[in-house]
C-alpha atoms as a PDB file:
ATOM      1  CA  MET A   1      12.269   7.276  17.358  1.00  0.00           C
ATOM      2  CA  ILE A   2      10.451   5.756  14.372  1.00  0.00           C
ATOM      3  CA  GLU A   3       7.162   7.155  13.169  1.00  0.00           C
ATOM      4  CA  ARG A   4       4.474   4.526  13.599  1.00  0.00           C
ATOM      5  CA  ILE A   5       1.496   4.529  11.264  1.00  0.00           C
ATOM      6  CA  ASP A   6      -1.641   2.413  11.404  1.00  0.00           C
ATOM      7  CA  GLY A   7      -1.986   1.496   7.747  1.00  0.00           C
ATOM      8  CA  HIS A   8      -5.544   0.180   7.946  1.00  0.00           C
ATOM      9  CA  CYS A   9      -8.449   1.213  10.176  1.00  0.00           C
ATOM     10  CA  HIS A  10     -12.066   2.259   9.834  1.00  0.00           C
ATOM     11  CA  TYR A  11     -14.449   4.940  11.061  1.00  0.00           C
ATOM     12  CA  TRP A  12     -18.171   4.554  10.517  1.00  0.00           C
ATOM     13  CA  ALA A  13     -21.507   6.070  11.498  1.00  0.00           C
ATOM     14  CA  LEU A  14     -24.422   3.640  11.365  1.00  0.00           C
ATOM     15  CA  GLN A  15     -27.048   6.277  10.651  1.00  0.00           C
ATOM     16  CA  ARG A  16     -25.467   6.778   7.241  1.00  0.00           C
ATOM     17  CA  GLY A  17     -27.158   3.515   6.254  1.00  0.00           C
ATOM     18  CA  ASP A  18     -24.849   2.109   3.560  1.00  0.00           C
ATOM     19  CA  TYR A  19     -22.932  -0.564   5.496  1.00  0.00           C
ATOM     20  CA  GLY A  20     -24.695  -3.532   3.942  1.00  0.00           C
ATOM     21  CA  TRP A  21     -22.532  -6.083   5.754  1.00  0.00           C
ATOM     22  CA  LEU A  22     -22.989  -4.515   9.206  1.00  0.00           C
ATOM     23  CA  THR A  23     -26.536  -5.279  10.265  1.00  0.00           C
ATOM     24  CA  PRO A  24     -28.258  -5.657  13.653  1.00  0.00           C
ATOM     25  CA  ASP A  25     -29.328  -9.219  12.851  1.00  0.00           C
ATOM     26  CA  ALA A  26     -25.722 -10.417  12.435  1.00  0.00           C
ATOM     27  CA  ALA A  27     -25.105 -11.646  15.986  1.00  0.00           C
ATOM     28  CA  HIS A  28     -21.363 -12.150  15.520  1.00  0.00           C
ATOM     29  CA  LEU A  29     -21.024  -8.454  14.601  1.00  0.00           C
ATOM     30  CA  ALA A  30     -22.942  -7.157  17.613  1.00  0.00           C
ATOM     31  CA  PRO A  31     -19.799  -5.837  19.396  1.00  0.00           C
ATOM     32  CA  ILE A  32     -19.044  -3.490  16.491  1.00  0.00           C
ATOM     33  CA  TYR A  33     -22.616  -2.515  15.667  1.00  0.00           C
ATOM     34  CA  ARG A  34     -22.165   1.076  16.813  1.00  0.00           C
ATOM     35  CA  ASP A  35     -20.399   4.219  15.656  1.00  0.00           C
ATOM     36  CA  PHE A  36     -16.595   4.363  15.715  1.00  0.00           C
ATOM     37  CA  GLY A  37     -14.476   7.437  15.162  1.00  0.00           C
ATOM     38  CA  THR A  38     -11.705   9.703  16.329  1.00  0.00           C
ATOM     39  CA  ALA A  39     -12.759   9.811  19.983  1.00  0.00           C
ATOM     40  CA  ASP A  40     -12.496   6.019  20.175  1.00  0.00           C
ATOM     41  CA  MET A  41      -9.287   5.696  18.200  1.00  0.00           C
ATOM     42  CA  ARG A  42      -7.192   8.537  19.592  1.00  0.00           C
ATOM     43  CA  PRO A  43      -6.469   7.092  23.070  1.00  0.00           C
ATOM     44  CA  LEU A  44      -5.657   3.664  21.639  1.00  0.00           C
ATOM     45  CA  ALA A  45      -3.219   5.068  19.100  1.00  0.00           C
ATOM     46  CA  GLU A  46      -1.613   7.483  21.533  1.00  0.00           C
ATOM     47  CA  THR A  47      -1.034   4.742  24.089  1.00  0.00           C
ATOM     48  CA  ALA A  48       0.594   2.620  21.385  1.00  0.00           C
ATOM     49  CA  GLY A  49       2.732   5.495  20.120  1.00  0.00           C
ATOM     50  CA  ILE A  50       1.058   5.494  16.698  1.00  0.00           C
ATOM     51  CA  GLY A  51       0.967   8.995  15.295  1.00  0.00           C
ATOM     52  CA  ARG A  52      -0.946   8.686  12.033  1.00  0.00           C
ATOM     53  CA  ARG A  53      -3.457   6.400  10.367  1.00  0.00           C
ATOM     54  CA  ILE A  54      -5.014   5.450   7.041  1.00  0.00           C
ATOM     55  CA  LEU A  55      -8.814   5.295   6.949  1.00  0.00           C
ATOM     56  CA  VAL A  56     -10.201   2.617   4.634  1.00  0.00           C
ATOM     57  CA  GLN A  57     -13.693   2.382   3.197  1.00  0.00           C
ATOM     58  CA  ALA A  58     -16.242   0.018   4.716  1.00  0.00           C
ATOM     59  CA  ALA A  59     -19.183   0.738   2.371  1.00  0.00           C
ATOM     60  CA  PRO A  60     -19.326   0.548  -1.441  1.00  0.00           C
ATOM     61  CA  THR A  61     -20.487   4.132  -1.932  1.00  0.00           C
ATOM     62  CA  GLU A  62     -18.891   7.422  -2.873  1.00  0.00           C
ATOM     63  CA  ALA A  63     -20.921   8.979  -0.063  1.00  0.00           C
ATOM     64  CA  GLU A  64     -18.908   7.031   2.489  1.00  0.00           C
ATOM     65  CA  THR A  65     -15.680   8.158   0.842  1.00  0.00           C
ATOM     66  CA  LEU A  66     -16.763  11.777   1.296  1.00  0.00           C
ATOM     67  CA  PHE A  67     -17.663  10.982   4.905  1.00  0.00           C
ATOM     68  CA  LEU A  68     -14.164   9.628   5.526  1.00  0.00           C
ATOM     69  CA  LEU A  69     -12.567  12.659   3.914  1.00  0.00           C
ATOM     70  CA  ASP A  70     -14.669  14.846   6.208  1.00  0.00           C
ATOM     71  CA  GLN A  71     -13.446  12.812   9.167  1.00  0.00           C
ATOM     72  CA  GLY A  72      -9.894  13.309   8.005  1.00  0.00           C
ATOM     73  CA  ARG A  73     -10.353  17.057   7.850  1.00  0.00           C
ATOM     74  CA  GLU A  74     -11.287  17.050  11.530  1.00  0.00           C
ATOM     75  CA  ASP A  75      -8.826  14.377  12.700  1.00  0.00           C
ATOM     76  CA  LYS A  76      -5.286  15.609  11.999  1.00  0.00           C
ATOM     77  CA  ALA A  77      -3.874  12.148  12.651  1.00  0.00           C
ATOM     78  CA  VAL A  78      -5.531  10.877   9.455  1.00  0.00           C
ATOM     79  CA  ALA A  79      -2.773  10.718   6.860  1.00  0.00           C
ATOM     80  CA  GLY A  80      -4.896   9.336   4.044  1.00  0.00           C
ATOM     81  CA  VAL A  81      -8.210   7.861   2.932  1.00  0.00           C
ATOM     82  CA  VAL A  82      -8.774   4.807   0.749  1.00  0.00           C
ATOM     83  CA  GLY A  83     -12.254   5.189  -0.701  1.00  0.00           C
ATOM     84  CA  TRP A  84     -14.596   3.561  -3.191  1.00  0.00           C
ATOM     85  CA  VAL A  85     -15.817   4.307  -6.690  1.00  0.00           C
ATOM     86  CA  ASP A  86     -17.483   2.023  -9.217  1.00  0.00           C
ATOM     87  CA  LEU A  87     -14.468   1.071 -11.312  1.00  0.00           C
ATOM     88  CA  SER A  88     -16.638  -0.813 -13.799  1.00  0.00           C
ATOM     89  CA  THR A  89     -17.904   2.407 -15.403  1.00  0.00           C
ATOM     90  CA  ALA A  90     -16.260   5.185 -17.398  1.00  0.00           C
ATOM     91  CA  GLU A  91     -18.253   7.650 -15.305  1.00  0.00           C
ATOM     92  CA  SER A  92     -16.003   6.852 -12.371  1.00  0.00           C
ATOM     93  CA  VAL A  93     -13.241   8.900 -14.029  1.00  0.00           C
ATOM     94  CA  GLY A  94     -15.017  12.098 -13.060  1.00  0.00           C
ATOM     95  CA  SER A  95     -15.464  10.859  -9.511  1.00  0.00           C
ATOM     96  CA  LEU A  96     -11.796   9.977  -9.220  1.00  0.00           C
ATOM     97  CA  GLU A  97     -10.736  13.353 -10.558  1.00  0.00           C
ATOM     98  CA  SER A  98     -13.010  15.136  -8.107  1.00  0.00           C
ATOM     99  CA  LEU A  99     -11.922  13.070  -5.105  1.00  0.00           C
ATOM    100  CA  ALA A 100      -8.232  13.390  -6.006  1.00  0.00           C
ATOM    101  CA  ARG A 101      -8.421  17.152  -5.541  1.00  0.00           C
ATOM    102  CA  ASN A 102      -8.379  16.368  -1.827  1.00  0.00           C
ATOM    103  CA  PRO A 103      -4.781  15.486  -0.887  1.00  0.00           C
ATOM    104  CA  LEU A 104      -6.045  12.997   1.704  1.00  0.00           C
ATOM    105  CA  PHE A 105      -7.543  10.798  -1.002  1.00  0.00           C
ATOM    106  CA  LYS A 106      -4.920   8.133  -1.648  1.00  0.00           C
ATOM    107  CA  GLY A 107      -6.690   5.375  -3.532  1.00  0.00           C
ATOM    108  CA  VAL A 108      -9.641   3.045  -3.909  1.00  0.00           C
ATOM    109  CA  ARG A 109     -10.790  -0.320  -2.665  1.00  0.00           C
ATOM    110  CA  PRO A 110     -13.510  -2.320  -4.409  1.00  0.00           C
ATOM    111  CA  MET A 111     -14.927  -4.847  -1.954  1.00  0.00           C
ATOM    112  CA  LEU A 112     -13.804  -7.819  -4.042  1.00  0.00           C
ATOM    113  CA  GLN A 113     -14.405 -10.407  -1.316  1.00  0.00           C
ATOM    114  CA  ASP A 114     -18.123  -9.553  -1.345  1.00  0.00           C
ATOM    115  CA  LEU A 115     -18.660  -9.735  -5.112  1.00  0.00           C
ATOM    116  CA  ASP A 116     -20.299 -12.783  -6.689  1.00  0.00           C
ATOM    117  CA  ASP A 117     -17.753 -12.986  -9.517  1.00  0.00           C
ATOM    118  CA  PRO A 118     -14.330 -14.105  -8.228  1.00  0.00           C
ATOM    119  CA  ASP A 119     -12.769 -12.920 -11.516  1.00  0.00           C
ATOM    120  CA  TRP A 120     -14.250  -9.421 -11.299  1.00  0.00           C
ATOM    121  CA  ILE A 121     -10.916  -7.652 -10.852  1.00  0.00           C
ATOM    122  CA  ALA A 122      -9.443  -9.221 -13.994  1.00  0.00           C
ATOM    123  CA  THR A 123     -12.480  -8.702 -16.223  1.00  0.00           C
ATOM    124  CA  ARG A 124     -14.772  -5.902 -15.096  1.00  0.00           C
ATOM    125  CA  PRO A 125     -12.846  -2.662 -14.363  1.00  0.00           C
ATOM    126  CA  HIS A 126     -13.244  -0.084 -17.121  1.00  0.00           C
ATOM    127  CA  PRO A 127      -9.961   0.755 -18.887  1.00  0.00           C
ATOM    128  CA  GLU A 128     -10.591   4.477 -18.510  1.00  0.00           C
ATOM    129  CA  ALA A 129     -11.101   4.114 -14.759  1.00  0.00           C
ATOM    130  CA  ILE A 130      -7.832   2.232 -14.296  1.00  0.00           C
ATOM    131  CA  ALA A 131      -6.036   4.736 -16.533  1.00  0.00           C
ATOM    132  CA  ALA A 132      -7.375   7.517 -14.316  1.00  0.00           C
ATOM    133  CA  LEU A 133      -6.043   5.808 -11.181  1.00  0.00           C
ATOM    134  CA  LYS A 134      -2.576   5.775 -12.719  1.00  0.00           C
ATOM    135  CA  ARG A 135      -2.743   9.306 -14.111  1.00  0.00           C
ATOM    136  CA  LEU A 136      -3.874  10.708 -10.766  1.00  0.00           C
ATOM    137  CA  GLY A 137      -1.182   8.880  -8.808  1.00  0.00           C
ATOM    138  CA  LEU A 138      -3.686   6.794  -6.838  1.00  0.00           C
ATOM    139  CA  ARG A 139      -3.291   3.335  -5.299  1.00  0.00           C
ATOM    140  CA  PHE A 140      -5.354   0.162  -5.269  1.00  0.00           C
ATOM    141  CA  ASP A 141      -6.216  -1.747  -2.082  1.00  0.00           C
ATOM    142  CA  ALA A 142      -7.131  -5.357  -2.854  1.00  0.00           C
ATOM    143  CA  LEU A 143      -9.644  -6.806  -0.384  1.00  0.00           C
ATOM    144  CA  VAL A 144      -9.278 -10.415  -1.460  1.00  0.00           C
ATOM    145  CA  MET A 145      -9.317 -13.984  -0.240  1.00  0.00           C
ATOM    146  CA  PRO A 146      -7.258 -16.922  -1.544  1.00  0.00           C
ATOM    147  CA  GLN A 147      -9.733 -17.698  -4.326  1.00  0.00           C
ATOM    148  CA  HIS A 148      -9.224 -14.220  -5.820  1.00  0.00           C
ATOM    149  CA  LEU A 149      -5.439 -14.270  -6.022  1.00  0.00           C
ATOM    150  CA  GLN A 150      -5.076 -15.653  -9.545  1.00  0.00           C
ATOM    151  CA  SER A 151      -7.453 -13.004 -10.886  1.00  0.00           C
ATOM    152  CA  LEU A 152      -5.583 -10.349  -8.929  1.00  0.00           C
ATOM    153  CA  ARG A 153      -2.314 -11.585 -10.447  1.00  0.00           C
ATOM    154  CA  ARG A 154      -3.744 -11.153 -13.956  1.00  0.00           C
ATOM    155  CA  PHE A 155      -4.860  -7.631 -13.045  1.00  0.00           C
ATOM    156  CA  VAL A 156      -1.417  -6.796 -11.668  1.00  0.00           C
ATOM    157  CA  GLU A 157       0.270  -8.126 -14.794  1.00  0.00           C
ATOM    158  CA  MET A 158      -2.001  -5.997 -16.978  1.00  0.00           C
ATOM    159  CA  HIS A 159      -1.241  -2.885 -14.907  1.00  0.00           C
ATOM    160  CA  SER A 160       2.372  -3.131 -13.800  1.00  0.00           C
ATOM    161  CA  ASP A 161       2.515   0.630 -13.167  1.00  0.00           C
ATOM    162  CA  LEU A 162      -0.355   0.681 -10.648  1.00  0.00           C
ATOM    163  CA  PRO A 163       0.634   0.339  -6.964  1.00  0.00           C
ATOM    164  CA  VAL A 164      -1.383  -2.472  -5.347  1.00  0.00           C
ATOM    165  CA  ILE A 165      -1.543  -3.542  -1.720  1.00  0.00           C
ATOM    166  CA  ILE A 166      -3.121  -6.800  -0.538  1.00  0.00           C
ATOM    167  CA  ASP A 167      -5.304  -6.168   2.487  1.00  0.00           C
ATOM    168  CA  HIS A 168      -5.097  -8.556   5.448  1.00  0.00           C
ATOM    169  CA  ALA A 169      -2.552 -10.756   3.650  1.00  0.00           C
ATOM    170  CA  ALA A 170      -5.468 -12.145   1.572  1.00  0.00           C
ATOM    171  CA  LYS A 171      -7.063 -13.724   4.656  1.00  0.00           C
ATOM    172  CA  PRO A 172      -5.367 -17.137   4.960  1.00  0.00           C
ATOM    173  CA  ALA A 173      -7.841 -19.928   5.734  1.00  0.00           C
ATOM    174  CA  PHE A 174      -6.507 -20.667   9.212  1.00  0.00           C
ATOM    175  CA  ALA A 175      -9.649 -22.479  10.324  1.00  0.00           C
ATOM    176  CA  ALA A 176      -9.811 -24.805   7.310  1.00  0.00           C
ATOM    177  CA  LEU A 177      -8.765 -28.453   7.250  1.00  0.00           C
ATOM    178  CA  ALA A 178      -5.283 -29.272   5.964  1.00  0.00           C
ATOM    179  CA  GLU A 179      -6.636 -30.587   2.646  1.00  0.00           C
ATOM    180  CA  ASP A 180      -8.624 -27.420   1.917  1.00  0.00           C
ATOM    181  CA  PRO A 181      -7.579 -26.071  -1.528  1.00  0.00           C
ATOM    182  CA  ARG A 182      -7.455 -22.507  -0.223  1.00  0.00           C
ATOM    183  CA  HIS A 183      -4.135 -23.224   1.467  1.00  0.00           C
ATOM    184  CA  GLY A 184      -2.503 -23.972  -1.862  1.00  0.00           C
ATOM    185  CA  MET A 185      -4.274 -21.049  -3.520  1.00  0.00           C
ATOM    186  CA  TRP A 186      -2.882 -18.725  -0.868  1.00  0.00           C
ATOM    187  CA  LYS A 187       0.702 -19.959  -0.984  1.00  0.00           C
ATOM    188  CA  ILE A 188       0.946 -20.008  -4.759  1.00  0.00           C
ATOM    189  CA  GLY A 189      -0.969 -16.773  -5.272  1.00  0.00           C
ATOM    190  CA  MET A 190       0.896 -14.734  -2.691  1.00  0.00           C
ATOM    191  CA  ALA A 191       4.285 -16.029  -3.813  1.00  0.00           C
ATOM    192  CA  GLU A 192       3.490 -15.098  -7.419  1.00  0.00           C
ATOM    193  CA  LEU A 193       2.167 -11.659  -6.534  1.00  0.00           C
ATOM    194  CA  SER A 194       5.199 -10.881  -4.399  1.00  0.00           C
ATOM    195  CA  GLY A 195       7.326 -11.141  -7.517  1.00  0.00           C
ATOM    196  CA  HIS A 196       5.769  -7.901  -8.785  1.00  0.00           C
ATOM    197  CA  THR A 197       7.580  -5.063  -7.073  1.00  0.00           C
ATOM    198  CA  GLN A 198       4.605  -2.684  -7.165  1.00  0.00           C
ATOM    199  CA  VAL A 199       2.636  -5.100  -4.941  1.00  0.00           C
ATOM    200  CA  TYR A 200       2.716  -4.635  -1.160  1.00  0.00           C
ATOM    201  CA  CYS A 201       1.006  -6.609   1.611  1.00  0.00           C
ATOM    202  CA  LYS A 202      -0.740  -5.537   4.810  1.00  0.00           C
ATOM    203  CA  LEU A 203       0.054  -7.244   8.089  1.00  0.00           C
ATOM    204  CA  SER A 204      -3.489  -6.755   9.342  1.00  0.00           C
ATOM    205  CA  GLY A 205      -6.759  -8.593   9.842  1.00  0.00           C
ATOM    206  CA  LEU A 206      -5.101 -11.879  10.790  1.00  0.00           C
ATOM    207  CA  LEU A 207      -6.396 -12.216  14.344  1.00  0.00           C
ATOM    208  CA  THR A 208     -10.018 -12.238  13.214  1.00  0.00           C
ATOM    209  CA  GLU A 209      -9.235 -15.077  10.789  1.00  0.00           C
ATOM    210  CA  LEU A 210      -7.494 -17.115  13.484  1.00  0.00           C
ATOM    211  CA  PRO A 211      -9.704 -19.570  15.443  1.00  0.00           C
ATOM    212  CA  SER A 212     -10.381 -18.301  18.958  1.00  0.00           C
ATOM    213  CA  GLY A 213      -8.615 -21.244  20.587  1.00  0.00           C
ATOM    214  CA  ARG A 214      -5.359 -20.217  18.930  1.00  0.00           C
ATOM    215  CA  ARG A 215      -5.424 -16.634  20.208  1.00  0.00           C
ATOM    216  CA  THR A 216      -5.985 -17.087  23.915  1.00  0.00           C
ATOM    217  CA  THR A 217      -2.830 -15.100  24.710  1.00  0.00           C
ATOM    218  CA  PRO A 218      -0.480 -12.915  22.634  1.00  0.00           C
ATOM    219  CA  VAL A 219       2.157 -15.656  22.835  1.00  0.00           C
ATOM    220  CA  ALA A 220      -0.281 -18.277  21.540  1.00  0.00           C
ATOM    221  CA  ALA A 221      -1.489 -16.001  18.743  1.00  0.00           C
ATOM    222  CA  ALA A 222       2.064 -15.122  17.700  1.00  0.00           C
ATOM    223  CA  ALA A 223       3.040 -18.792  17.623  1.00  0.00           C
ATOM    224  CA  ALA A 224       0.034 -19.593  15.429  1.00  0.00           C
ATOM    225  CA  LEU A 225       0.724 -16.701  13.045  1.00  0.00           C
ATOM    226  CA  MET A 226       4.515 -17.000  12.863  1.00  0.00           C
ATOM    227  CA  PRO A 227       4.692 -19.425   9.888  1.00  0.00           C
ATOM    228  CA  THR A 228       2.417 -17.143   7.867  1.00  0.00           C
ATOM    229  CA  VAL A 229       4.296 -13.975   8.767  1.00  0.00           C
ATOM    230  CA  GLU A 230       7.641 -15.604   8.015  1.00  0.00           C
ATOM    231  CA  ARG A 231       6.385 -16.488   4.545  1.00  0.00           C
ATOM    232  CA  LEU A 232       5.131 -12.941   3.975  1.00  0.00           C
ATOM    233  CA  LEU A 233       8.462 -11.463   5.012  1.00  0.00           C
ATOM    234  CA  THR A 234      10.343 -13.913   2.794  1.00  0.00           C
ATOM    235  CA  TRP A 235       8.130 -13.114  -0.184  1.00  0.00           C
ATOM    236  CA  PHE A 236       7.607  -9.368   0.153  1.00  0.00           C
ATOM    237  CA  GLY A 237      10.415  -8.296   2.475  1.00  0.00           C
ATOM    238  CA  PRO A 238       9.988  -5.700   5.260  1.00  0.00           C
ATOM    239  CA  LYS A 239      10.025  -2.824   2.769  1.00  0.00           C
ATOM    240  CA  ARG A 240       6.737  -4.013   1.228  1.00  0.00           C
ATOM    241  CA  VAL A 241       4.863  -5.089   4.376  1.00  0.00           C
ATOM    242  CA  VAL A 242       2.588  -2.495   5.995  1.00  0.00           C
ATOM    243  CA  TRP A 243       1.340  -2.887   9.562  1.00  0.00           C
ATOM    244  CA  GLY A 244      -2.330  -2.160  10.185  1.00  0.00           C
ATOM    245  CA  SER A 245      -4.833  -2.816  12.942  1.00  0.00           C
ATOM    246  CA  ASP A 246      -8.090  -3.322  11.003  1.00  0.00           C
ATOM    247  CA  TRP A 247      -9.694  -1.597  13.993  1.00  0.00           C
ATOM    248  CA  PRO A 248     -12.537  -1.762  14.999  1.00  0.00           C
ATOM    249  CA  VAL A 249     -13.096  -5.091  13.208  1.00  0.00           C
ATOM    250  CA  LEU A 250     -10.044  -6.220  15.183  1.00  0.00           C
ATOM    251  CA  THR A 251     -12.066  -5.982  18.391  1.00  0.00           C
ATOM    252  CA  LEU A 252     -14.133  -8.988  17.346  1.00  0.00           C
ATOM    253  CA  ALA A 253     -11.010 -11.004  18.188  1.00  0.00           C
ATOM    254  CA  ALA A 254      -8.949  -8.912  20.601  1.00  0.00           C
ATOM    255  CA  GLY A 255      -8.061  -5.429  21.731  1.00  0.00           C
ATOM    256  CA  TYR A 256      -5.763  -2.964  20.013  1.00  0.00           C
ATOM    257  CA  ASP A 257      -3.067  -3.513  22.658  1.00  0.00           C
ATOM    258  CA  PHE A 258      -3.295  -7.292  22.178  1.00  0.00           C
ATOM    259  CA  TRP A 259      -2.511  -6.964  18.457  1.00  0.00           C
ATOM    260  CA  ILE A 260       0.341  -4.579  19.256  1.00  0.00           C
ATOM    261  CA  GLU A 261       1.845  -7.189  21.589  1.00  0.00           C
ATOM    262  CA  VAL A 262       1.363  -9.986  19.066  1.00  0.00           C
ATOM    263  CA  THR A 263       3.080  -7.885  16.414  1.00  0.00           C
ATOM    264  CA  GLU A 264       6.039  -7.152  18.656  1.00  0.00           C
ATOM    265  CA  LEU A 265       6.497 -10.881  19.207  1.00  0.00           C
ATOM    266  CA  LEU A 266       6.203 -11.633  15.496  1.00  0.00           C
ATOM    267  CA  LEU A 267       8.804  -9.025  14.529  1.00  0.00           C
ATOM    268  CA  ALA A 268      11.152  -9.431  17.497  1.00  0.00           C
ATOM    269  CA  GLU A 269      13.932 -11.092  15.491  1.00  0.00           C
ATOM    270  CA  LEU A 270      14.043  -8.344  12.844  1.00  0.00           C
ATOM    271  CA  GLY A 271      16.482  -5.464  12.897  1.00  0.00           C
ATOM    272  CA  ALA A 272      15.475  -1.941  13.884  1.00  0.00           C
ATOM    273  CA  ALA A 273      15.361  -0.710  10.281  1.00  0.00           C
ATOM    274  CA  GLU A 274      13.158  -3.621   9.220  1.00  0.00           C
ATOM    275  CA  ARG A 275      10.714  -3.045  12.070  1.00  0.00           C
ATOM    276  CA  ALA A 276      10.657   0.678  11.297  1.00  0.00           C
ATOM    277  CA  SER A 277       9.687  -0.075   7.710  1.00  0.00           C
ATOM    278  CA  ILE A 278       6.821  -2.382   8.675  1.00  0.00           C
ATOM    279  CA  HIS A 279       5.540  -0.024  11.367  1.00  0.00           C
ATOM    280  CA  GLY A 280       5.551   3.099   9.228  1.00  0.00           C
ATOM    281  CA  GLY A 281       8.117   3.407   6.475  1.00  0.00           C
ATOM    282  CA  ALA A 282       6.385   1.059   4.045  1.00  0.00           C
ATOM    283  CA  ALA A 283       3.044   2.826   4.549  1.00  0.00           C
ATOM    284  CA  LYS A 284       4.676   6.207   3.872  1.00  0.00           C
ATOM    285  CA  LEU A 285       6.237   4.858   0.704  1.00  0.00           C
ATOM    286  CA  PHE A 286       3.170   3.049  -0.623  1.00  0.00           C
ATOM    287  CA  TYR A 287       0.634   5.781   0.076  1.00  0.00           C
ATOM    288  CA  GLY A 288       2.993   8.659  -0.713  1.00  0.00           C
ATOM    289  CA  LEU A 289       2.596  10.251   2.693  1.00  0.00           C
ATOM    290  CA  GLU A 290       4.245  13.524   3.491  1.00  0.00           C
ATOM    291  CA  GLY A 291       5.032  14.776   6.998  1.00  0.00           C
ATOM    292  CA  GLY A 292       2.299  15.290   9.564  1.00  0.00           C
ATOM    293  CA  ARG A 293      -0.241  18.082   9.089  1.00  0.00           C
ATOM    294  CA  ALA A 294      -0.099  21.275  11.104  1.00  0.00           C
END
C-alpha cells in the first residue's frame, strides 16, 4: 500500500476577513463562498484513501498562516502548512524564524499571480528574506501563470539551493486561441524550469482551467489534459511531480472523486513506483515530511 498525500488544499473561515479574492459579489465564486475545513475534507480524503494533506495559504497575511497552523494542530492529517510572509522586507526574517519553530510550517507562497508586477519574483524579494528561507530549510511555492515563468526562471537561477514547486503546473491557458502567446510562454518556461533539479511541479488546479465543455466526464477531461500531463512527466519526471486537489477551489469545476478518477486515467500507463511517487512520495521528499503524527 502506498501512502497517498494531497499536496495542495485549502481551509478558510470567511469571518477572518482577509480573503481579498473571495468576495460575495463574485458570482462565479458563489459555490465556495463559505467556510471549509477538516469536517468537510476528512470524508473526501478517507474515501479516496488519502491519509495526509498540505494546507496552502489563500490570503496574503501572516494571520492566515497562524490560522492554518492552528488548524493543523487540531487536524492530525495535516502534514504541513505553506504560509505567507512579505518577502520584500527584511522584517520578514523574524516572522520566518518565528513560524519555523512550528514543525508544520514548511514554506511560503507569495500570491504572484495577483501582483501587478509580473517580474516581482525576480526583482522584489529581499535578500535577507530569501537567505532565511534557505537557512531555515523552508520551501517556496510558486503561484504563477505562463507570463511569470521567465521571471521565475531568473529567480530559480539566482537561488539554486532553494526548493521551488510550481503550483497548478503554472495554469496552462487551455481556453485561449491557438495563436495566444501564453502557449509558447508555458512550453518554453516549463521546459526551462524543469532543467533545474530543485524545481518540482504540482499536478493540481488543472480542471478549473479547462473549459467546461472539455470536462463533461472524467474520460473527456483526461483526454483533454493528457498532452499537458505527458509534457510535465517528460520534463519533470514522476519523482518531481506532486499530486494535489486544490480543494475546495476544485469544486468550481468538479468533485474530489471526479479529479481522483481523472488522475487515475492520466497515470494509468505508469508503473506502480511512478504512481506512488506522484501520489505521495514526491510530496514527502519536497516538503520533508516525516511519518504521520500520533
